[in-house]
Amino acid sequence: MNRAIVIGAGVSGLTTAIVLQEAGWQVEIRTAALPGQTNSAVAAAIWFPYAVEPLEKANAWSTETYHALKALAGEPGTGVSMTDFLVLTRPGLDHSWKEGLPKGAVRAAAPAELPEGYQMGYIAQVPLAESPVYLPYLQRRLEAGGGQIKLQEVSTAGALLDECSLVVNCSGLGSRELFRDEGVYPIRGQILSVEKPKSARSAVDSMDKGHLAYLIVRSNDMIMGGTDYDGDYNTSPVAADTAEILSRCRRIQADGPPPRINRALAGLRPGRSAIRCEAEAGAPIIHNYGHGGAGVTVSWGCAREVLRLAQPFGGMA
């Protein structure tokens, strides 16, 4: 059995490790942080290919992931469910994300379903993976198949090749130092966990950079976001951002009293001009990072791409 080491234990690392393992690889994850301490733990984690390139490949990976998550929806302990998601938009923007969805999964929103001031939107039935449940599920699935997670800050990928036949880099922002990729940068995202309103719906307005707003209704709370600040490494919540998030989300969901805030969280999305999901030239190393705000959305598709790329190095397709 061929052995692979995956760097990183966020949603991309966990999913990639599972796909490799279930295809016949012996897999171990090396990570500086356990899944619950990664940036994936802060993610709202609803399916939506937000601001990722290359568009054609990202849409294909998103479609693969849609079906994988849909298959998990309703299974006890996964944290995955299907939910209606109002995507607010306008003519002239790219709407190709919806082309891969099953028939009947997306429709144009009626005027009465749009918040005041909005002229166009789609209502799509999409997977929602609640991070506090979904990440532990992925970890259990990996470990049940014999996979392991080892706490280790990797300083050089080359040293790992003495222990395995394949290294898969899912280190996200860590790729900036680990593989000297200066094209990777942080996109700071702040969110609020608020008390779940009696009447609420999941919705997003991602039309304009710097004005991102979304509401994600989960089992026990609602997530309100967010921010998309490029190059900002601050992982502490900022009061001014909290106020801005509340103001933006109020435009989408104007009914009812102001929400009661449980807590504010901030994390760093790994931004890049395009997702890097490819083999390293001249070495048994495969990269899978730079997913921006679509880590969960492309996770299973990119993991299966890694499996296809891994065929020359052993294992089974």
C-alpha atoms as a PDB file:
ATOM      1  CA  MET A   1       0.000   0.000   0.000  1.00  0.00           C
ATOM      2  CA  ASN A   2       1.381   3.416  -0.959  1.00  0.00           C
ATOM      3  CA  ARG A   3       1.685   6.031   1.746  1.00  0.00           C
ATOM      4  CA  ALA A   4       0.669   9.691   1.452  1.00  0.00           C
ATOM      5  CA  ILE A   5       1.191  12.565   3.841  1.00  0.00           C
ATOM      6  CA  VAL A   6      -1.283  15.444   3.647  1.00  0.00           C
ATOM      7  CA  ILE A   7      -0.191  18.810   5.028  1.00  0.00           C
ATOM      8  CA  GLY A   8      -3.055  20.663   6.728  1.00  0.00           C
ATOM      9  CA  ALA A   9      -6.168  19.593   8.651  1.00  0.00           C
ATOM     10  CA  GLY A  10      -8.726  22.104   7.437  1.00  0.00           C
ATOM     11  CA  VAL A  11     -11.669  21.008   5.318  1.00  0.00           C
ATOM     12  CA  SER A  12      -9.471  20.614   2.220  1.00  0.00           C
ATOM     13  CA  GLY A  13      -6.855  18.524   4.020  1.00  0.00           C
ATOM     14  CA  LEU A  14      -9.403  16.285   5.727  1.00  0.00           C
ATOM     15  CA  THR A  15     -11.444  15.729   2.575  1.00  0.00           C
ATOM     16  CA  THR A  16      -8.372  15.038   0.456  1.00  0.00           C
ATOM     17  CA  ALA A  17      -7.036  12.576   3.023  1.00  0.00           C
ATOM     18  CA  ILE A  18     -10.378  10.731   3.095  1.00  0.00           C
ATOM     19  CA  VAL A  19     -10.604  10.479  -0.704  1.00  0.00           C
ATOM     20  CA  LEU A  20      -7.045   9.145  -0.956  1.00  0.00           C
ATOM     21  CA  GLN A  21      -7.549   6.721   1.910  1.00  0.00           C
ATOM     22  CA  GLU A  22     -10.814   5.347   0.541  1.00  0.00           C
ATOM     23  CA  ALA A  23      -9.055   4.803  -2.801  1.00  0.00           C
ATOM     24  CA  GLY A  24      -6.400   2.582  -1.257  1.00  0.00           C
ATOM     25  CA  TRP A  25      -3.738   4.936   0.106  1.00  0.00           C
ATOM     26  CA  GLN A  26      -2.328   4.801   3.625  1.00  0.00           C
ATOM     27  CA  VAL A  27      -2.743   8.401   4.784  1.00  0.00           C
ATOM     28  CA  GLU A  28      -1.456  10.578   7.569  1.00  0.00           C
ATOM     29  CA  ILE A  29      -2.125  14.284   8.085  1.00  0.00           C
ATOM     30  CA  ARG A  30       0.610  16.538   9.435  1.00  0.00           C
ATOM     31  CA  THR A  31      -0.693  19.810  10.784  1.00  0.00           C
ATOM     32  CA  ALA A  32       0.180  22.670  13.100  1.00  0.00           C
ATOM     33  CA  ALA A  33      -3.467  22.918  14.208  1.00  0.00           C
ATOM     34  CA  LEU A  34      -6.199  20.349  14.791  1.00  0.00           C
ATOM     35  CA  PRO A  35      -9.378  20.698  12.674  1.00  0.00           C
ATOM     36  CA  GLY A  36     -11.252  22.668  15.328  1.00  0.00           C
ATOM     37  CA  GLN A  37      -8.496  25.294  15.441  1.00  0.00           C
ATOM     38  CA  THR A  38      -8.187  25.785  11.670  1.00  0.00           C
ATOM     39  CA  ASN A  39      -9.736  28.586   9.645  1.00  0.00           C
ATOM     40  CA  SER A  40     -12.276  26.051   8.373  1.00  0.00           C
ATOM     41  CA  ALA A  41     -13.776  25.999  11.874  1.00  0.00           C
ATOM     42  CA  VAL A  42     -14.786  29.661  11.444  1.00  0.00           C
ATOM     43  CA  ALA A  43     -16.342  29.208   8.001  1.00  0.00           C
ATOM     44  CA  ALA A  44     -20.089  29.593   7.527  1.00  0.00           C
ATOM     45  CA  ALA A  45     -19.690  26.591   5.180  1.00  0.00           C
ATOM     46  CA  ILE A  46     -22.652  26.896   2.846  1.00  0.00           C
ATOM     47  CA  TRP A  47     -22.248  25.708  -0.743  1.00  0.00           C
ATOM     48  CA  PHE A  48     -21.609  28.712  -2.977  1.00  0.00           C
ATOM     49  CA  PRO A  49     -18.633  29.198  -5.333  1.00  0.00           C
ATOM     50  CA  TYR A  50     -17.762  32.693  -4.140  1.00  0.00           C
ATOM     51  CA  ALA A  51     -15.020  34.556  -6.026  1.00  0.00           C
ATOM     52  CA  VAL A  52     -12.861  31.641  -7.170  1.00  0.00           C
ATOM     53  CA  GLU A  53     -10.915  30.965 -10.339  1.00  0.00           C
ATOM     54  CA  PRO A  54     -10.305  29.335 -12.769  1.00  0.00           C
ATOM     55  CA  LEU A  55     -14.023  29.606 -13.372  1.00  0.00           C
ATOM     56  CA  GLU A  56     -14.604  26.522 -15.530  1.00  0.00           C
ATOM     57  CA  LYS A  57     -12.647  24.186 -13.263  1.00  0.00           C
ATOM     58  CA  ALA A  58     -14.046  25.767 -10.094  1.00  0.00           C
ATOM     59  CA  ASN A  59     -17.587  25.224 -11.337  1.00  0.00           C
ATOM     60  CA  ALA A  60     -16.794  21.580 -12.146  1.00  0.00           C
ATOM     61  CA  TRP A  61     -15.236  21.017  -8.698  1.00  0.00           C
ATOM     62  CA  SER A  62     -18.199  22.783  -7.096  1.00  0.00           C
ATOM     63  CA  THR A  63     -20.661  20.543  -8.925  1.00  0.00           C
ATOM     64  CA  GLU A  64     -18.822  17.412  -7.776  1.00  0.00           C
ATOM     65  CA  THR A  65     -18.863  18.716  -4.221  1.00  0.00           C
ATOM     66  CA  TYR A  66     -22.561  19.594  -4.414  1.00  0.00           C
ATOM     67  CA  HIS A  67     -23.458  15.987  -5.136  1.00  0.00           C
ATOM     68  CA  ALA A  68     -21.060  14.617  -2.513  1.00  0.00           C
ATOM     69  CA  LEU A  69     -22.499  16.882   0.195  1.00  0.00           C
ATOM     70  CA  LYS A  70     -26.068  16.224  -0.909  1.00  0.00           C
ATOM     71  CA  ALA A  71     -25.405  12.522  -0.430  1.00  0.00           C
ATOM     72  CA  LEU A  72     -24.329  13.256   3.166  1.00  0.00           C
ATOM     73  CA  ALA A  73     -27.327  15.476   3.929  1.00  0.00           C
ATOM     74  CA  GLY A  74     -29.598  13.927   6.485  1.00  0.00           C
ATOM     75  CA  GLU A  75     -27.093  11.285   7.592  1.00  0.00           C
ATOM     76  CA  PRO A  76     -26.816  11.439  11.401  1.00  0.00           C
ATOM     77  CA  GLY A  77     -23.683  13.099  12.687  1.00  0.00           C
ATOM     78  CA  THR A  78     -22.490  14.708   9.457  1.00  0.00           C
ATOM     79  CA  GLY A  79     -23.793  18.206  10.126  1.00  0.00           C
ATOM     80  CA  VAL A  80     -24.851  18.464   6.475  1.00  0.00           C
ATOM     81  CA  SER A  81     -28.352  19.473   5.384  1.00  0.00           C
ATOM     82  CA  MET A  82     -30.020  20.960   2.324  1.00  0.00           C
ATOM     83  CA  THR A  83     -31.328  24.515   2.622  1.00  0.00           C
ATOM     84  CA  ASP A  84     -32.844  27.241   0.460  1.00  0.00           C
ATOM     85  CA  PHE A  85     -30.317  29.993  -0.260  1.00  0.00           C
ATOM     86  CA  LEU A  86     -31.272  33.379  -1.698  1.00  0.00           C
ATOM     87  CA  VAL A  87     -28.448  34.623  -3.929  1.00  0.00           C
ATOM     88  CA  LEU A  88     -28.905  38.336  -4.578  1.00  0.00           C
ATOM     89  CA  THR A  89     -27.387  39.558  -7.808  1.00  0.00           C
ATOM     90  CA  ARG A  90     -27.807  41.818 -10.828  1.00  0.00           C
ATOM     91  CA  PRO A  91     -27.643  41.488 -14.621  1.00  0.00           C
ATOM     92  CA  GLY A  92     -24.158  41.300 -16.093  1.00  0.00           C
ATOM     93  CA  LEU A  93     -22.570  39.284 -13.291  1.00  0.00           C
ATOM     94  CA  ASP A  94     -21.474  35.691 -13.692  1.00  0.00           C
ATOM     95  CA  HIS A  95     -24.205  33.202 -12.816  1.00  0.00           C
ATOM     96  CA  SER A  96     -22.573  30.090 -14.256  1.00  0.00           C
ATOM     97  CA  TRP A  97     -22.408  28.512 -10.768  1.00  0.00           C
ATOM     98  CA  LYS A  98     -26.033  27.439 -11.152  1.00  0.00           C
ATOM     99  CA  GLU A  99     -25.559  25.581 -14.445  1.00  0.00           C
ATOM    100  CA  GLY A 100     -24.257  22.411 -12.805  1.00  0.00           C
ATOM    101  CA  LEU A 101     -27.057  22.138 -10.258  1.00  0.00           C
ATOM    102  CA  PRO A 102     -29.720  19.436 -10.658  1.00  0.00           C
ATOM    103  CA  LYS A 103     -32.938  20.268 -12.435  1.00  0.00           C
ATOM    104  CA  GLY A 104     -35.299  22.060 -10.079  1.00  0.00           C
ATOM    105  CA  ALA A 105     -32.567  22.988  -7.575  1.00  0.00           C
ATOM    106  CA  VAL A 106     -32.496  26.676  -8.562  1.00  0.00           C
ATOM    107  CA  ARG A 107     -35.073  29.193  -9.747  1.00  0.00           C
ATOM    108  CA  ALA A 108     -35.411  32.927 -10.203  1.00  0.00           C
ATOM    109  CA  ALA A 109     -36.670  34.693  -7.101  1.00  0.00           C
ATOM    110  CA  ALA A 110     -40.048  36.371  -7.440  1.00  0.00           C
ATOM    111  CA  PRO A 111     -40.128  40.153  -6.823  1.00  0.00           C
ATOM    112  CA  ALA A 112     -41.986  39.580  -3.543  1.00  0.00           C
ATOM    113  CA  GLU A 113     -39.136  37.336  -2.340  1.00  0.00           C
ATOM    114  CA  LEU A 114     -36.482  40.023  -2.796  1.00  0.00           C
ATOM    115  CA  PRO A 115     -35.485  42.457  -0.028  1.00  0.00           C
ATOM    116  CA  GLU A 116     -36.260  46.123  -0.615  1.00  0.00           C
ATOM    117  CA  GLY A 117     -33.795  47.685  -3.027  1.00  0.00           C
ATOM    118  CA  TYR A 118     -32.886  44.453  -4.822  1.00  0.00           C
ATOM    119  CA  GLN A 119     -34.059  43.700  -8.338  1.00  0.00           C
ATOM    120  CA  MET A 120     -32.729  40.208  -9.051  1.00  0.00           C
ATOM    121  CA  GLY A 121     -31.930  36.986  -7.262  1.00  0.00           C
ATOM    122  CA  TYR A 122     -31.981  33.206  -7.373  1.00  0.00           C
ATOM    123  CA  ILE A 123     -33.250  30.747  -4.790  1.00  0.00           C
ATOM    124  CA  ALA A 124     -31.127  27.613  -4.812  1.00  0.00           C
ATOM    125  CA  GLN A 125     -31.375  24.492  -2.706  1.00  0.00           C
ATOM    126  CA  VAL A 126     -27.786  23.931  -1.600  1.00  0.00           C
ATOM    127  CA  PRO A 127     -25.845  21.947   1.003  1.00  0.00           C
ATOM    128  CA  LEU A 128     -24.994  23.522   4.334  1.00  0.00           C
ATOM    129  CA  ALA A 129     -22.157  21.882   6.293  1.00  0.00           C
ATOM    130  CA  GLU A 130     -22.200  23.146   9.887  1.00  0.00           C
ATOM    131  CA  SER A 131     -18.504  23.327  10.769  1.00  0.00           C
ATOM    132  CA  PRO A 132     -18.789  22.424  14.492  1.00  0.00           C
ATOM    133  CA  VAL A 133     -20.344  19.085  13.452  1.00  0.00           C
ATOM    134  CA  TYR A 134     -18.969  18.544   9.951  1.00  0.00           C
ATOM    135  CA  LEU A 135     -15.258  18.840  10.763  1.00  0.00           C
ATOM    136  CA  PRO A 136     -15.440  16.283  13.626  1.00  0.00           C
ATOM    137  CA  TYR A 137     -17.406  14.001  11.283  1.00  0.00           C
ATOM    138  CA  LEU A 138     -14.628  14.180   8.690  1.00  0.00           C
ATOM    139  CA  GLN A 139     -12.013  13.498  11.358  1.00  0.00           C
ATOM    140  CA  ARG A 140     -13.929  10.454  12.640  1.00  0.00           C
ATOM    141  CA  ARG A 141     -14.358   9.147   9.093  1.00  0.00           C
ATOM    142  CA  LEU A 142     -10.638   9.485   8.443  1.00  0.00           C
ATOM    143  CA  GLU A 143      -9.635   7.815  11.693  1.00  0.00           C
ATOM    144  CA  ALA A 144     -12.197   5.029  11.301  1.00  0.00           C
ATOM    145  CA  GLY A 145     -10.452   4.094   8.053  1.00  0.00           C
ATOM    146  CA  GLY A 146      -7.033   3.984   9.701  1.00  0.00           C
ATOM    147  CA  GLY A 147      -5.906   7.534   8.934  1.00  0.00           C
ATOM    148  CA  GLN A 148      -4.043   9.558  11.521  1.00  0.00           C
ATOM    149  CA  ILE A 149      -3.564  13.217  12.363  1.00  0.00           C
ATOM    150  CA  LYS A 150      -0.183  14.187  13.762  1.00  0.00           C
ATOM    151  CA  LEU A 151       0.507  17.598  15.239  1.00  0.00           C
ATOM    152  CA  GLN A 152       3.642  18.801  13.519  1.00  0.00           C
ATOM    153  CA  GLU A 153       4.536  22.139  12.011  1.00  0.00           C
ATOM    154  CA  VAL A 154       6.040  21.257   8.647  1.00  0.00           C
ATOM    155  CA  SER A 155       8.989  23.469   7.715  1.00  0.00           C
ATOM    156  CA  THR A 156       9.960  21.692   4.514  1.00  0.00           C
ATOM    157  CA  ALA A 157       7.936  19.318   2.384  1.00  0.00           C
ATOM    158  CA  GLY A 158      11.047  17.660   0.983  1.00  0.00           C
ATOM    159  CA  ALA A 159      11.853  15.995   4.297  1.00  0.00           C
ATOM    160  CA  LEU A 160       8.462  14.275   4.281  1.00  0.00           C
ATOM    161  CA  LEU A 161       9.291  12.487   1.023  1.00  0.00           C
ATOM    162  CA  ASP A 162      11.683  10.242   2.982  1.00  0.00           C
ATOM    163  CA  GLU A 163       8.595   8.860   4.766  1.00  0.00           C
ATOM    164  CA  CYS A 164       6.101   8.459   1.929  1.00  0.00           C
ATOM    165  CA  SER A 165       5.596   8.185  -1.804  1.00  0.00           C
ATOM    166  CA  LEU A 166       3.364  11.266  -2.089  1.00  0.00           C
ATOM    167  CA  VAL A 167       2.960  14.603  -0.302  1.00  0.00           C
ATOM    168  CA  VAL A 168      -0.253  16.591  -0.752  1.00  0.00           C
ATOM    169  CA  ASN A 169      -0.077  20.243   0.204  1.00  0.00           C
ATOM    170  CA  CYS A 170      -3.353  21.525   1.689  1.00  0.00           C
ATOM    171  CA  SER A 171      -1.664  24.108   3.903  1.00  0.00           C
ATOM    172  CA  GLY A 172      -3.630  27.091   2.606  1.00  0.00           C
ATOM    173  CA  LEU A 173      -1.898  30.300   3.635  1.00  0.00           C
ATOM    174  CA  GLY A 174       1.029  28.208   4.837  1.00  0.00           C
ATOM    175  CA  SER A 175       1.948  27.663   1.186  1.00  0.00           C
ATOM    176  CA  ARG A 176       3.277  31.215   1.094  1.00  0.00           C
ATOM    177  CA  GLU A 177       6.242  30.204   3.237  1.00  0.00           C
ATOM    178  CA  LEU A 178       6.310  26.441   2.748  1.00  0.00           C
ATOM    179  CA  PHE A 179       6.376  26.642  -1.047  1.00  0.00           C
ATOM    180  CA  ARG A 180       7.357  30.304  -1.466  1.00  0.00           C
ATOM    181  CA  ASP A 181       4.118  31.128  -3.228  1.00  0.00           C
ATOM    182  CA  GLU A 182       3.859  34.885  -2.825  1.00  0.00           C
ATOM    183  CA  GLY A 183       0.586  34.805  -4.757  1.00  0.00           C
ATOM    184  CA  VAL A 184      -1.196  33.450  -1.681  1.00  0.00           C
ATOM    185  CA  TYR A 185      -2.654  36.109   0.588  1.00  0.00           C
ATOM    186  CA  PRO A 186      -5.112  36.320   3.487  1.00  0.00           C
ATOM    187  CA  ILE A 187      -8.699  37.461   3.007  1.00  0.00           C
ATOM    188  CA  ARG A 188      -9.872  38.354   6.486  1.00  0.00           C
ATOM    189  CA  GLY A 189     -13.408  37.259   7.245  1.00  0.00           C
ATOM    190  CA  GLN A 190     -15.304  38.231  10.364  1.00  0.00           C
ATOM    191  CA  ILE A 191     -18.608  36.623  11.282  1.00  0.00           C
ATOM    192  CA  LEU A 192     -21.157  36.855  14.052  1.00  0.00           C
ATOM    193  CA  SER A 193     -22.961  33.950  15.659  1.00  0.00           C
ATOM    194  CA  VAL A 194     -26.338  35.353  16.701  1.00  0.00           C
ATOM    195  CA  GLU A 195     -29.418  33.974  18.368  1.00  0.00           C
ATOM    196  CA  LYS A 196     -31.522  32.208  15.762  1.00  0.00           C
ATOM    197  CA  PRO A 197     -34.553  34.362  14.882  1.00  0.00           C
ATOM    198  CA  LYS A 198     -38.020  32.817  14.731  1.00  0.00           C
ATOM    199  CA  SER A 199     -38.288  33.838  11.101  1.00  0.00           C
ATOM    200  CA  ALA A 200     -35.113  33.978   9.034  1.00  0.00           C
ATOM    201  CA  ARG A 201     -33.694  32.817   5.733  1.00  0.00           C
ATOM    202  CA  SER A 202     -30.224  32.181   4.396  1.00  0.00           C
ATOM    203  CA  ALA A 203     -29.128  34.779   1.839  1.00  0.00           C
ATOM    204  CA  VAL A 204     -26.039  36.391   0.354  1.00  0.00           C
ATOM    205  CA  ASP A 205     -25.109  39.634  -1.400  1.00  0.00           C
ATOM    206  CA  SER A 206     -21.589  39.189  -2.783  1.00  0.00           C
ATOM    207  CA  MET A 207     -21.941  41.560  -5.721  1.00  0.00           C
ATOM    208  CA  ASP A 208     -19.390  44.174  -4.710  1.00  0.00           C
ATOM    209  CA  LYS A 209     -15.947  43.678  -3.207  1.00  0.00           C
ATOM    210  CA  GLY A 210     -15.776  45.149   0.282  1.00  0.00           C
ATOM    211  CA  HIS A 211     -19.541  44.991   0.785  1.00  0.00           C
ATOM    212  CA  LEU A 212     -20.058  41.267   1.376  1.00  0.00           C
ATOM    213  CA  ALA A 213     -23.166  40.396   3.401  1.00  0.00           C
ATOM    214  CA  TYR A 214     -24.707  37.038   4.220  1.00  0.00           C
ATOM    215  CA  LEU A 215     -26.988  35.275   6.671  1.00  0.00           C
ATOM    216  CA  ILE A 216     -26.714  31.515   7.204  1.00  0.00           C
ATOM    217  CA  VAL A 217     -29.420  29.855   9.304  1.00  0.00           C
ATOM    218  CA  ARG A 218     -28.013  26.844  11.165  1.00  0.00           C
ATOM    219  CA  SER A 219     -29.489  24.349  13.637  1.00  0.00           C
ATOM    220  CA  ASN A 220     -28.815  26.341  16.804  1.00  0.00           C
ATOM    221  CA  ASP A 221     -27.832  29.825  15.644  1.00  0.00           C
ATOM    222  CA  MET A 222     -27.532  32.108  12.649  1.00  0.00           C
ATOM    223  CA  ILE A 223     -24.241  33.260  11.131  1.00  0.00           C
ATOM    224  CA  MET A 224     -24.040  36.852   9.936  1.00  0.00           C
ATOM    225  CA  GLY A 225     -21.140  38.068   7.830  1.00  0.00           C
ATOM    226  CA  GLY A 226     -18.960  39.285   6.671  1.00  0.00           C
ATOM    227  CA  THR A 227     -15.794  40.959   5.638  1.00  0.00           C
ATOM    228  CA  ASP A 228     -13.442  40.290   2.715  1.00  0.00           C
ATOM    229  CA  TYR A 229     -10.338  42.327   3.489  1.00  0.00           C
ATOM    230  CA  ASP A 230      -7.365  41.343   1.331  1.00  0.00           C
ATOM    231  CA  GLY A 231      -3.955  41.244   2.983  1.00  0.00           C
ATOM    232  CA  ASP A 232      -5.312  41.603   6.535  1.00  0.00           C
ATOM    233  CA  TYR A 233      -3.811  39.092   8.993  1.00  0.00           C
ATOM    234  CA  ASN A 234      -5.871  40.129  12.027  1.00  0.00           C
ATOM    235  CA  THR A 235      -7.731  37.128  13.482  1.00  0.00           C
ATOM    236  CA  SER A 236      -9.350  39.078  16.315  1.00  0.00           C
ATOM    237  CA  PRO A 237     -12.899  40.456  15.962  1.00  0.00           C
ATOM    238  CA  VAL A 238     -13.166  44.209  15.457  1.00  0.00           C
ATOM    239  CA  ALA A 239     -16.086  46.179  16.909  1.00  0.00           C
ATOM    240  CA  ALA A 240     -16.374  48.409  13.837  1.00  0.00           C
ATOM    241  CA  ASP A 241     -16.679  45.324  11.631  1.00  0.00           C
ATOM    242  CA  THR A 242     -19.393  43.929  13.889  1.00  0.00           C
ATOM    243  CA  ALA A 243     -21.381  47.142  13.458  1.00  0.00           C
ATOM    244  CA  GLU A 244     -20.845  47.085   9.682  1.00  0.00           C
ATOM    245  CA  ILE A 245     -21.951  43.450   9.415  1.00  0.00           C
ATOM    246  CA  LEU A 246     -25.130  44.183  11.344  1.00  0.00           C
ATOM    247  CA  SER A 247     -25.853  47.163   9.084  1.00  0.00           C
ATOM    248  CA  ARG A 248     -25.286  45.263   5.833  1.00  0.00           C
ATOM    249  CA  CYS A 249     -27.309  42.252   6.937  1.00  0.00           C
ATOM    250  CA  ARG A 250     -30.134  44.515   8.037  1.00  0.00           C
ATOM    251  CA  ARG A 251     -30.605  45.455   4.389  1.00  0.00           C
ATOM    252  CA  ILE A 252     -31.180  41.806   3.563  1.00  0.00           C
ATOM    253  CA  GLN A 253     -33.235  40.849   6.627  1.00  0.00           C
ATOM    254  CA  ALA A 254     -35.057  43.930   7.881  1.00  0.00           C
ATOM    255  CA  ASP A 255     -37.804  42.205   9.870  1.00  0.00           C
ATOM    256  CA  GLY A 256     -37.713  41.778  13.631  1.00  0.00           C
ATOM    257  CA  PRO A 257     -35.559  43.285  16.374  1.00  0.00           C
ATOM    258  CA  PRO A 258     -31.754  43.470  16.206  1.00  0.00           C
ATOM    259  CA  PRO A 259     -30.261  40.014  16.810  1.00  0.00           C
ATOM    260  CA  ARG A 260     -28.664  39.025  20.078  1.00  0.00           C
ATOM    261  CA  ILE A 261     -24.978  38.338  19.438  1.00  0.00           C
ATOM    262  CA  ASN A 262     -23.508  35.155  20.893  1.00  0.00           C
ATOM    263  CA  ARG A 263     -19.956  35.834  19.773  1.00  0.00           C
ATOM    264  CA  ALA A 264     -17.828  37.302  17.013  1.00  0.00           C
ATOM    265  CA  LEU A 265     -15.155  35.301  15.203  1.00  0.00           C
ATOM    266  CA  ALA A 266     -12.538  36.105  12.580  1.00  0.00           C
ATOM    267  CA  GLY A 267     -10.513  33.896  10.262  1.00  0.00           C
ATOM    268  CA  LEU A 268      -8.274  34.123   7.215  1.00  0.00           C
ATOM    269  CA  ARG A 269      -9.411  32.714   3.878  1.00  0.00           C
ATOM    270  CA  PRO A 270      -6.480  31.609   1.669  1.00  0.00           C
ATOM    271  CA  GLY A 271      -6.814  33.892  -1.336  1.00  0.00           C
ATOM    272  CA  ARG A 272      -5.105  33.390  -4.682  1.00  0.00           C
ATOM    273  CA  SER A 273      -5.676  34.522  -8.259  1.00  0.00           C
ATOM    274  CA  ALA A 274      -6.628  30.901  -9.033  1.00  0.00           C
ATOM    275  CA  ILE A 275      -6.980  27.703  -7.040  1.00  0.00           C
ATOM    276  CA  ARG A 276      -3.821  25.657  -7.269  1.00  0.00           C
ATOM    277  CA  CYS A 277      -4.764  22.006  -7.701  1.00  0.00           C
ATOM    278  CA  GLU A 278      -1.902  20.480  -9.636  1.00  0.00           C
ATOM    279  CA  ALA A 279       1.197  18.308  -9.368  1.00  0.00           C
ATOM    280  CA  GLU A 280       4.576  19.876  -8.636  1.00  0.00           C
ATOM    281  CA  ALA A 281       6.939  19.593 -11.588  1.00  0.00           C
ATOM    282  CA  GLY A 282       9.616  16.992 -10.964  1.00  0.00           C
ATOM    283  CA  ALA A 283       8.499  15.880  -7.506  1.00  0.00           C
ATOM    284  CA  PRO A 284       5.779  13.625  -6.016  1.00  0.00           C
ATOM    285  CA  ILE A 285       3.984  16.614  -4.514  1.00  0.00           C
ATOM    286  CA  ILE A 286       0.421  17.666  -5.314  1.00  0.00           C
ATOM    287  CA  HIS A 287      -0.960  21.074  -4.347  1.00  0.00           C
ATOM    288  CA  ASN A 288      -4.525  21.795  -3.292  1.00  0.00           C
ATOM    289  CA  TYR A 289      -4.883  25.319  -1.906  1.00  0.00           C
ATOM    290  CA  GLY A 290      -5.942  28.889  -2.655  1.00  0.00           C
ATOM    291  CA  HIS A 291      -9.687  28.243  -2.386  1.00  0.00           C
ATOM    292  CA  GLY A 292     -10.572  31.688  -1.026  1.00  0.00           C
ATOM    293  CA  GLY A 293     -14.110  31.723   0.343  1.00  0.00           C
ATOM    294  CA  ALA A 294     -15.081  28.467  -1.383  1.00  0.00           C
ATOM    295  CA  GLY A 295     -13.121  25.873   0.572  1.00  0.00           C
ATOM    296  CA  VAL A 296     -16.109  23.723   1.475  1.00  0.00           C
ATOM    297  CA  THR A 297     -17.756  24.387  -1.899  1.00  0.00           C
ATOM    298  CA  VAL A 298     -14.924  22.853  -3.944  1.00  0.00           C
ATOM    299  CA  SER A 299     -13.600  20.445  -1.304  1.00  0.00           C
ATOM    300  CA  TRP A 300     -14.732  17.079  -2.666  1.00  0.00           C
ATOM    301  CA  GLY A 301     -14.164  18.073  -6.291  1.00  0.00           C
ATOM    302  CA  CYS A 302     -10.609  19.221  -5.601  1.00  0.00           C
ATOM    303  CA  ALA A 303      -9.934  16.139  -3.465  1.00  0.00           C
ATOM    304  CA  ARG A 304     -10.969  13.903  -6.355  1.00  0.00           C
ATOM    305  CA  GLU A 305      -8.780  15.957  -8.677  1.00  0.00           C
ATOM    306  CA  VAL A 306      -5.883  15.212  -6.320  1.00  0.00           C
ATOM    307  CA  LEU A 307      -6.729  11.510  -6.553  1.00  0.00           C
ATOM    308  CA  ARG A 308      -6.605  11.665 -10.349  1.00  0.00           C
ATOM    309  CA  LEU A 309      -3.273  13.474 -10.199  1.00  0.00           C
ATOM    310  CA  ALA A 310      -1.959  10.874  -7.718  1.00  0.00           C
ATOM    311  CA  GLN A 311      -2.300   7.938 -10.116  1.00  0.00           C
ATOM    312  CA  PRO A 312       1.287   8.139 -11.446  1.00  0.00           C
ATOM    313  CA  PHE A 313       2.575   7.896  -7.866  1.00  0.00           C
ATOM    314  CA  GLY A 314       0.669   4.730  -6.913  1.00  0.00           C
ATOM    315  CA  GLY A 315      -2.600   3.842  -5.211  1.00  0.00           C
ATOM    316  CA  MET A 316      -5.847   3.209  -7.046  1.00  0.00           C
ATOM    317  CA  ALA A 317      -8.073   5.607  -9.017  1.00  0.00           C
END
